[in-house]
Amino acid sequence: MQTTQLAWLAKACAMNHRKNGGLKFLSITKCFSSYSTANSFYEAFKISDHDHEIWYGDKKVAKDMQKEQLEKKFVYGLEYLNV
């Protein structure tokens, strides 16, 4: 799996948790070919209110967001991650 795909997967997991989704378990064995790939995956779990608004809300509202709404926070929500 490519680094970009893994980052999108992590962001989707974070968004799922933010929307109170039911994803609790994820198994992605043999996907990390390097430290940078793993780092990109874990960094993608950091999302902001702005990111959330872009994915699920109104892009016009997202455009006007400021400061703390742009701050990325680690959002995980998984109980089990098998790498």
PDB file of N, CA and C in Angstrom:
ATOM      1  N   MET A   1       0.852  -1.177   0.000  1.00  0.00           N
ATOM      2  CA  MET A   1       0.000   0.000   0.000  1.00  0.00           C
ATOM      3  C   MET A   1       0.898   1.240   0.000  1.00  0.00           C
ATOM      4  N   GLN A   2       0.550   2.234  -0.764  1.00  0.00           N
ATOM      5  CA  GLN A   2       1.352   3.444  -0.868  1.00  0.00           C
ATOM      6  C   GLN A   2       1.148   4.352   0.339  1.00  0.00           C
ATOM      7  N   THR A   3       2.130   5.210   0.575  1.00  0.00           N
ATOM      8  CA  THR A   3       2.088   6.141   1.698  1.00  0.00           C
ATOM      9  C   THR A   3       0.831   7.003   1.651  1.00  0.00           C
ATOM     10  N   THR A   4       0.478   7.506   0.488  1.00  0.00           N
ATOM     11  CA  THR A   4      -0.701   8.360   0.351  1.00  0.00           C
ATOM     12  C   THR A   4      -1.980   7.608   0.719  1.00  0.00           C
ATOM     13  N   GLN A   5      -2.081   6.373   0.263  1.00  0.00           N
ATOM     14  CA  GLN A   5      -3.267   5.569   0.585  1.00  0.00           C
ATOM     15  C   GLN A   5      -3.360   5.312   2.079  1.00  0.00           C
ATOM     16  N   LEU A   6      -2.234   5.047   2.719  1.00  0.00           N
ATOM     17  CA  LEU A   6      -2.238   4.823   4.165  1.00  0.00           C
ATOM     18  C   LEU A   6      -2.631   6.089   4.917  1.00  0.00           C
ATOM     19  N   ALA A   7      -2.175   7.229   4.440  1.00  0.00           N
ATOM     20  CA  ALA A   7      -2.546   8.499   5.080  1.00  0.00           C
ATOM     21  C   ALA A   7      -4.046   8.757   4.950  1.00  0.00           C
ATOM     22  N   TRP A   8      -4.614   8.481   3.797  1.00  0.00           N
ATOM     23  CA  TRP A   8      -6.059   8.654   3.623  1.00  0.00           C
ATOM     24  C   TRP A   8      -6.839   7.681   4.507  1.00  0.00           C
ATOM     25  N   LEU A   9      -6.317   6.461   4.666  1.00  0.00           N
ATOM     26  CA  LEU A   9      -6.958   5.487   5.539  1.00  0.00           C
ATOM     27  C   LEU A   9      -6.959   5.984   6.980  1.00  0.00           C
ATOM     28  N   ALA A  10      -5.830   6.513   7.434  1.00  0.00           N
ATOM     29  CA  ALA A  10      -5.747   7.044   8.792  1.00  0.00           C
ATOM     30  C   ALA A  10      -6.690   8.229   8.981  1.00  0.00           C
ATOM     31  N   LYS A  11      -6.735   9.119   8.006  1.00  0.00           N
ATOM     32  CA  LYS A  11      -7.633  10.277   8.096  1.00  0.00           C
ATOM     33  C   LYS A  11      -9.094   9.817   8.122  1.00  0.00           C
ATOM     34  N   ALA A  12      -9.418   8.801   7.340  1.00  0.00           N
ATOM     35  CA  ALA A  12     -10.783   8.266   7.341  1.00  0.00           C
ATOM     36  C   ALA A  12     -11.128   7.660   8.706  1.00  0.00           C
ATOM     37  N   CYS A  13     -10.160   6.977   9.327  1.00  0.00           N
ATOM     38  CA  CYS A  13     -10.389   6.422  10.672  1.00  0.00           C
ATOM     39  C   CYS A  13     -10.637   7.535  11.683  1.00  0.00           C
ATOM     40  N   ALA A  14      -9.846   8.602  11.598  1.00  0.00           N
ATOM     41  CA  ALA A  14     -10.019   9.736  12.508  1.00  0.00           C
ATOM     42  C   ALA A  14     -11.376  10.399  12.299  1.00  0.00           C
ATOM     43  N   MET A  15     -11.753  10.593  11.052  1.00  0.00           N
ATOM     44  CA  MET A  15     -13.058  11.199  10.760  1.00  0.00           C
ATOM     45  C   MET A  15     -14.189  10.293  11.231  1.00  0.00           C
ATOM     46  N   ASN A  16     -14.024   8.988  11.077  1.00  0.00           N
ATOM     47  CA  ASN A  16     -15.030   8.040  11.542  1.00  0.00           C
ATOM     48  C   ASN A  16     -15.247   8.197  13.045  1.00  0.00           C
ATOM     49  N   HIS A  17     -14.159   8.304  13.784  1.00  0.00           N
ATOM     50  CA  HIS A  17     -14.278   8.468  15.233  1.00  0.00           C
ATOM     51  C   HIS A  17     -14.923   9.811  15.578  1.00  0.00           C
ATOM     52  N   ARG A  18     -14.542  10.827  14.863  1.00  0.00           N
ATOM     53  CA  ARG A  18     -15.090  12.181  15.109  1.00  0.00           C
ATOM     54  C   ARG A  18     -16.598  12.222  14.882  1.00  0.00           C
ATOM     55  N   LYS A  19     -17.084  11.420  13.941  1.00  0.00           N
ATOM     56  CA  LYS A  19     -18.526  11.362  13.642  1.00  0.00           C
ATOM     57  C   LYS A  19     -19.221  10.258  14.450  1.00  0.00           C
ATOM     58  N   ASN A  20     -18.537   9.750  15.501  1.00  0.00           N
ATOM     59  CA  ASN A  20     -19.078   8.689  16.352  1.00  0.00           C
ATOM     60  C   ASN A  20     -19.349   7.404  15.579  1.00  0.00           C
ATOM     61  N   GLY A  21     -18.492   7.119  14.623  1.00  0.00           N
ATOM     62  CA  GLY A  21     -18.624   5.896  13.837  1.00  0.00           C
ATOM     63  C   GLY A  21     -18.249   4.672  14.647  1.00  0.00           C
ATOM     64  N   GLY A  22     -18.495   3.521  14.088  1.00  0.00           N
ATOM     65  CA  GLY A  22     -18.309   2.278  14.805  1.00  0.00           C
ATOM     66  C   GLY A  22     -17.002   1.550  14.534  1.00  0.00           C
ATOM     67  N   LEU A  23     -16.091   2.131  13.775  1.00  0.00           N
ATOM     68  CA  LEU A  23     -14.841   1.450  13.458  1.00  0.00           C
ATOM     69  C   LEU A  23     -13.974   1.362  14.712  1.00  0.00           C
ATOM     70  N   LYS A  24     -13.670   0.144  15.131  1.00  0.00           N
ATOM     71  CA  LYS A  24     -12.867  -0.066  16.345  1.00  0.00           C
ATOM     72  C   LYS A  24     -11.626  -0.906  16.082  1.00  0.00           C
ATOM     73  N   PHE A  25     -11.627  -1.687  15.009  1.00  0.00           N
ATOM     74  CA  PHE A  25     -10.538  -2.613  14.730  1.00  0.00           C
ATOM     75  C   PHE A  25     -10.021  -2.402  13.309  1.00  0.00           C
ATOM     76  N   LEU A  26      -8.696  -2.407  13.166  1.00  0.00           N
ATOM     77  CA  LEU A  26      -8.078  -2.239  11.855  1.00  0.00           C
ATOM     78  C   LEU A  26      -6.826  -3.109  11.782  1.00  0.00           C
ATOM     79  N   SER A  27      -6.734  -3.906  10.753  1.00  0.00           N
ATOM     80  CA  SER A  27      -5.565  -4.751  10.538  1.00  0.00           C
ATOM     81  C   SER A  27      -4.955  -4.412   9.185  1.00  0.00           C
ATOM     82  N   ILE A  28      -3.743  -3.917   9.214  1.00  0.00           N
ATOM     83  CA  ILE A  28      -3.040  -3.542   7.979  1.00  0.00           C
ATOM     84  C   ILE A  28      -1.598  -4.062   8.059  1.00  0.00           C
ATOM     85  N   THR A  29      -1.462  -5.350   8.061  1.00  0.00           N
ATOM     86  CA  THR A  29      -0.131  -5.952   8.175  1.00  0.00           C
ATOM     87  C   THR A  29       0.653  -5.812   6.873  1.00  0.00           C
ATOM     88  N   LYS A  30       1.944  -5.736   7.008  1.00  0.00           N
ATOM     89  CA  LYS A  30       2.881  -5.662   5.889  1.00  0.00           C
ATOM     90  C   LYS A  30       2.683  -4.435   4.993  1.00  0.00           C
ATOM     91  N   CYS A  31       2.242  -3.338   5.588  1.00  0.00           N
ATOM     92  CA  CYS A  31       2.000  -2.122   4.801  1.00  0.00           C
ATOM     93  C   CYS A  31       3.097  -1.078   4.959  1.00  0.00           C
ATOM     94  N   PHE A  32       3.845  -1.165   6.038  1.00  0.00           N
ATOM     95  CA  PHE A  32       4.852  -0.137   6.294  1.00  0.00           C
ATOM     96  C   PHE A  32       6.217  -0.586   5.801  1.00  0.00           C
ATOM     97  N   SER A  33       6.674   0.053   4.756  1.00  0.00           N
ATOM     98  CA  SER A  33       7.961  -0.309   4.169  1.00  0.00           C
ATOM     99  C   SER A  33       9.118   0.487   4.772  1.00  0.00           C
ATOM    100  N   SER A  34       8.772   1.566   5.483  1.00  0.00           N
ATOM    101  CA  SER A  34       9.817   2.402   6.075  1.00  0.00           C
ATOM    102  C   SER A  34       9.248   3.192   7.251  1.00  0.00           C
ATOM    103  N   TYR A  35      10.150   3.815   7.979  1.00  0.00           N
ATOM    104  CA  TYR A  35       9.746   4.670   9.089  1.00  0.00           C
ATOM    105  C   TYR A  35       8.894   5.827   8.583  1.00  0.00           C
ATOM    106  N   SER A  36       9.266   6.414   7.467  1.00  0.00           N
ATOM    107  CA  SER A  36       8.518   7.572   6.952  1.00  0.00           C
ATOM    108  C   SER A  36       7.096   7.189   6.551  1.00  0.00           C
ATOM    109  N   THR A  37       6.906   5.981   6.046  1.00  0.00           N
ATOM    110  CA  THR A  37       5.556   5.519   5.712  1.00  0.00           C
ATOM    111  C   THR A  37       4.719   5.395   6.976  1.00  0.00           C
ATOM    112  N   ALA A  38       5.284   4.793   8.009  1.00  0.00           N
ATOM    113  CA  ALA A  38       4.580   4.657   9.283  1.00  0.00           C
ATOM    114  C   ALA A  38       4.298   6.025   9.893  1.00  0.00           C
ATOM    115  N   ASN A  39       5.274   6.914   9.828  1.00  0.00           N
ATOM    116  CA  ASN A  39       5.102   8.257  10.381  1.00  0.00           C
ATOM    117  C   ASN A  39       3.985   9.010   9.664  1.00  0.00           C
ATOM    118  N   SER A  40       3.936   8.915   8.356  1.00  0.00           N
ATOM    119  CA  SER A  40       2.875   9.572   7.573  1.00  0.00           C
ATOM    120  C   SER A  40       1.504   9.035   7.972  1.00  0.00           C
ATOM    121  N   PHE A  41       1.439   7.730   8.197  1.00  0.00           N
ATOM    122  CA  PHE A  41       0.186   7.103   8.620  1.00  0.00           C
ATOM    123  C   PHE A  41      -0.279   7.680   9.955  1.00  0.00           C
ATOM    124  N   TYR A  42       0.610   7.688  10.946  1.00  0.00           N
ATOM    125  CA  TYR A  42       0.226   8.170  12.276  1.00  0.00           C
ATOM    126  C   TYR A  42      -0.052   9.670  12.283  1.00  0.00           C
ATOM    127  N   GLU A  43       0.682  10.440  11.504  1.00  0.00           N
ATOM    128  CA  GLU A  43       0.451  11.888  11.425  1.00  0.00           C
ATOM    129  C   GLU A  43      -0.919  12.211  10.825  1.00  0.00           C
ATOM    130  N   ALA A  44      -1.413  11.345   9.947  1.00  0.00           N
ATOM    131  CA  ALA A  44      -2.702  11.595   9.294  1.00  0.00           C
ATOM    132  C   ALA A  44      -3.876  11.456  10.253  1.00  0.00           C
ATOM    133  N   PHE A  45      -3.653  10.897  11.441  1.00  0.00           N
ATOM    134  CA  PHE A  45      -4.701  10.839  12.455  1.00  0.00           C
ATOM    135  C   PHE A  45      -4.944  12.202  13.090  1.00  0.00           C
ATOM    136  N   LYS A  46      -4.104  13.156  12.791  1.00  0.00           N
ATOM    137  CA  LYS A  46      -4.281  14.518  13.304  1.00  0.00           C
ATOM    138  C   LYS A  46      -5.218  15.273  12.374  1.00  0.00           C
ATOM    139  N   ILE A  47      -6.366  15.670  12.912  1.00  0.00           N
ATOM    140  CA  ILE A  47      -7.347  16.422  12.126  1.00  0.00           C
ATOM    141  C   ILE A  47      -7.811  17.641  12.919  1.00  0.00           C
ATOM    142  N   SER A  48      -8.360  18.588  12.211  1.00  0.00           N
ATOM    143  CA  SER A  48      -8.859  19.820  12.828  1.00  0.00           C
ATOM    144  C   SER A  48     -10.357  19.959  12.562  1.00  0.00           C
ATOM    145  N   ASP A  49     -10.955  20.938  13.222  1.00  0.00           N
ATOM    146  CA  ASP A  49     -12.357  21.255  12.934  1.00  0.00           C
ATOM    147  C   ASP A  49     -12.514  21.641  11.469  1.00  0.00           C
ATOM    148  N   HIS A  50     -11.498  22.315  10.938  1.00  0.00           N
ATOM    149  CA  HIS A  50     -11.501  22.723   9.533  1.00  0.00           C
ATOM    150  C   HIS A  50     -11.536  21.504   8.610  1.00  0.00           C
ATOM    151  N   ASP A  51     -10.679  20.506   8.903  1.00  0.00           N
ATOM    152  CA  ASP A  51     -10.669  19.274   8.100  1.00  0.00           C
ATOM    153  C   ASP A  51     -12.040  18.612   8.130  1.00  0.00           C
ATOM    154  N   HIS A  52     -12.618  18.558   9.313  1.00  0.00           N
ATOM    155  CA  HIS A  52     -13.929  17.924   9.475  1.00  0.00           C
ATOM    156  C   HIS A  52     -14.997  18.664   8.677  1.00  0.00           C
ATOM    157  N   GLU A  53     -14.948  19.971   8.715  1.00  0.00           N
ATOM    158  CA  GLU A  53     -15.929  20.782   7.974  1.00  0.00           C
ATOM    159  C   GLU A  53     -15.756  20.589   6.469  1.00  0.00           C
ATOM    160  N   ILE A  54     -14.527  20.463   6.002  1.00  0.00           N
ATOM    161  CA  ILE A  54     -14.275  20.222   4.579  1.00  0.00           C
ATOM    162  C   ILE A  54     -14.878  18.886   4.154  1.00  0.00           C
ATOM    163  N   TRP A  55     -14.705  17.834   4.975  1.00  0.00           N
ATOM    164  CA  TRP A  55     -15.191  16.501   4.621  1.00  0.00           C
ATOM    165  C   TRP A  55     -16.704  16.379   4.726  1.00  0.00           C
ATOM    166  N   TYR A  56     -17.287  16.935   5.785  1.00  0.00           N
ATOM    167  CA  TYR A  56     -18.703  16.661   6.065  1.00  0.00           C
ATOM    168  C   TYR A  56     -19.600  17.896   6.062  1.00  0.00           C
ATOM    169  N   GLY A  57     -19.031  19.057   5.974  1.00  0.00           N
ATOM    170  CA  GLY A  57     -19.836  20.264   6.128  1.00  0.00           C
ATOM    171  C   GLY A  57     -19.867  21.126   4.893  1.00  0.00           C
ATOM    172  N   ASP A  58     -19.699  22.395   5.131  1.00  0.00           N
ATOM    173  CA  ASP A  58     -19.815  23.414   4.100  1.00  0.00           C
ATOM    174  C   ASP A  58     -18.440  24.048   3.876  1.00  0.00           C
ATOM    175  N   LYS A  59     -17.955  24.017   2.659  1.00  0.00           N
ATOM    176  CA  LYS A  59     -16.641  24.573   2.354  1.00  0.00           C
ATOM    177  C   LYS A  59     -16.597  26.085   2.570  1.00  0.00           C
ATOM    178  N   LYS A  60     -17.732  26.736   2.454  1.00  0.00           N
ATOM    179  CA  LYS A  60     -17.783  28.183   2.711  1.00  0.00           C
ATOM    180  C   LYS A  60     -17.572  28.470   4.193  1.00  0.00           C
ATOM    181  N   VAL A  61     -18.137  27.634   5.046  1.00  0.00           N
ATOM    182  CA  VAL A  61     -17.942  27.771   6.497  1.00  0.00           C
ATOM    183  C   VAL A  61     -16.485  27.464   6.835  1.00  0.00           C
ATOM    184  N   ALA A  62     -15.939  26.435   6.232  1.00  0.00           N
ATOM    185  CA  ALA A  62     -14.549  26.037   6.482  1.00  0.00           C
ATOM    186  C   ALA A  62     -13.582  27.154   6.114  1.00  0.00           C
ATOM    187  N   LYS A  63     -13.883  27.867   5.061  1.00  0.00           N
ATOM    188  CA  LYS A  63     -13.013  28.950   4.598  1.00  0.00           C
ATOM    189  C   LYS A  63     -12.868  30.058   5.641  1.00  0.00           C
ATOM    190  N   ASP A  64     -13.892  30.266   6.454  1.00  0.00           N
ATOM    191  CA  ASP A  64     -13.887  31.342   7.442  1.00  0.00           C
ATOM    192  C   ASP A  64     -13.382  30.915   8.822  1.00  0.00           C
ATOM    193  N   MET A  65     -12.979  29.684   8.969  1.00  0.00           N
ATOM    194  CA  MET A  65     -12.501  29.198  10.267  1.00  0.00           C
ATOM    195  C   MET A  65     -11.151  29.809  10.597  1.00  0.00           C
ATOM    196  N   GLN A  66     -10.911  29.974  11.904  1.00  0.00           N
ATOM    197  CA  GLN A  66      -9.682  30.613  12.350  1.00  0.00           C
ATOM    198  C   GLN A  66      -9.073  29.877  13.542  1.00  0.00           C
ATOM    199  N   LYS A  67      -7.838  30.189  13.833  1.00  0.00           N
ATOM    200  CA  LYS A  67      -7.011  29.755  14.949  1.00  0.00           C
ATOM    201  C   LYS A  67      -7.283  28.357  15.476  1.00  0.00           C
ATOM    202  N   GLU A  68      -7.995  28.239  16.605  1.00  0.00           N
ATOM    203  CA  GLU A  68      -8.173  26.932  17.237  1.00  0.00           C
ATOM    204  C   GLU A  68      -8.948  25.961  16.351  1.00  0.00           C
ATOM    205  N   GLN A  69      -9.740  26.465  15.439  1.00  0.00           N
ATOM    206  CA  GLN A  69     -10.468  25.602  14.515  1.00  0.00           C
ATOM    207  C   GLN A  69      -9.537  24.992  13.468  1.00  0.00           C
ATOM    208  N   LEU A  70      -8.378  25.584  13.279  1.00  0.00           N
ATOM    209  CA  LEU A  70      -7.392  25.092  12.323  1.00  0.00           C
ATOM    210  C   LEU A  70      -6.356  24.187  12.988  1.00  0.00           C
ATOM    211  N   GLU A  71      -6.354  24.163  14.321  1.00  0.00           N
ATOM    212  CA  GLU A  71      -5.386  23.368  15.076  1.00  0.00           C
ATOM    213  C   GLU A  71      -5.698  21.877  14.960  1.00  0.00           C
ATOM    214  N   LYS A  72      -4.714  21.117  14.550  1.00  0.00           N
ATOM    215  CA  LYS A  72      -4.904  19.670  14.376  1.00  0.00           C
ATOM    216  C   LYS A  72      -4.672  18.957  15.698  1.00  0.00           C
ATOM    217  N   LYS A  73      -5.551  17.992  15.986  1.00  0.00           N
ATOM    218  CA  LYS A  73      -5.460  17.184  17.197  1.00  0.00           C
ATOM    219  C   LYS A  73      -5.496  15.714  16.808  1.00  0.00           C
ATOM    220  N   PHE A  74      -4.786  14.907  17.577  1.00  0.00           N
ATOM    221  CA  PHE A  74      -4.742  13.479  17.311  1.00  0.00           C
ATOM    222  C   PHE A  74      -6.084  12.856  17.691  1.00  0.00           C
ATOM    223  N   VAL A  75      -6.769  12.284  16.704  1.00  0.00           N
ATOM    224  CA  VAL A  75      -8.078  11.650  16.900  1.00  0.00           C
ATOM    225  C   VAL A  75      -7.913  10.198  16.463  1.00  0.00           C
ATOM    226  N   TYR A  76      -8.096   9.274  17.379  1.00  0.00           N
ATOM    227  CA  TYR A  76      -7.772   7.884  17.096  1.00  0.00           C
ATOM    228  C   TYR A  76      -9.003   6.994  17.119  1.00  0.00           C
ATOM    229  N   GLY A  77      -9.504   6.672  18.283  1.00  0.00           N
ATOM    230  CA  GLY A  77     -10.743   5.925  18.404  1.00  0.00           C
ATOM    231  C   GLY A  77     -10.669   4.421  18.185  1.00  0.00           C
ATOM    232  N   LEU A  78      -9.552   3.927  17.673  1.00  0.00           N
ATOM    233  CA  LEU A  78      -9.442   2.487  17.457  1.00  0.00           C
ATOM    234  C   LEU A  78      -9.102   1.801  18.780  1.00  0.00           C
ATOM    235  N   GLU A  79      -9.675   0.634  18.992  1.00  0.00           N
ATOM    236  CA  GLU A  79      -9.327  -0.164  20.160  1.00  0.00           C
ATOM    237  C   GLU A  79      -8.215  -1.142  19.816  1.00  0.00           C
ATOM    238  N   TYR A  80      -8.116  -1.482  18.551  1.00  0.00           N
ATOM    239  CA  TYR A  80      -7.147  -2.489  18.108  1.00  0.00           C
ATOM    240  C   TYR A  80      -6.605  -2.085  16.755  1.00  0.00           C
ATOM    241  N   LEU A  81      -5.296  -1.986  16.648  1.00  0.00           N
ATOM    242  CA  LEU A  81      -4.620  -1.703  15.381  1.00  0.00           C
ATOM    243  C   LEU A  81      -3.521  -2.737  15.201  1.00  0.00           C
ATOM    244  N   ASN A  82      -3.636  -3.556  14.196  1.00  0.00           N
ATOM    245  CA  ASN A  82      -2.657  -4.593  13.910  1.00  0.00           C
ATOM    246  C   ASN A  82      -1.810  -4.144  12.719  1.00  0.00           C
ATOM    247  N   VAL A  83      -0.547  -3.856  12.992  1.00  0.00           N
ATOM    248  CA  VAL A  83       0.364  -3.472  11.914  1.00  0.00           C
ATOM    249  C   VAL A  83       1.469  -4.488  11.828  1.00  0.00           C
TER     250      VAL A  83
END
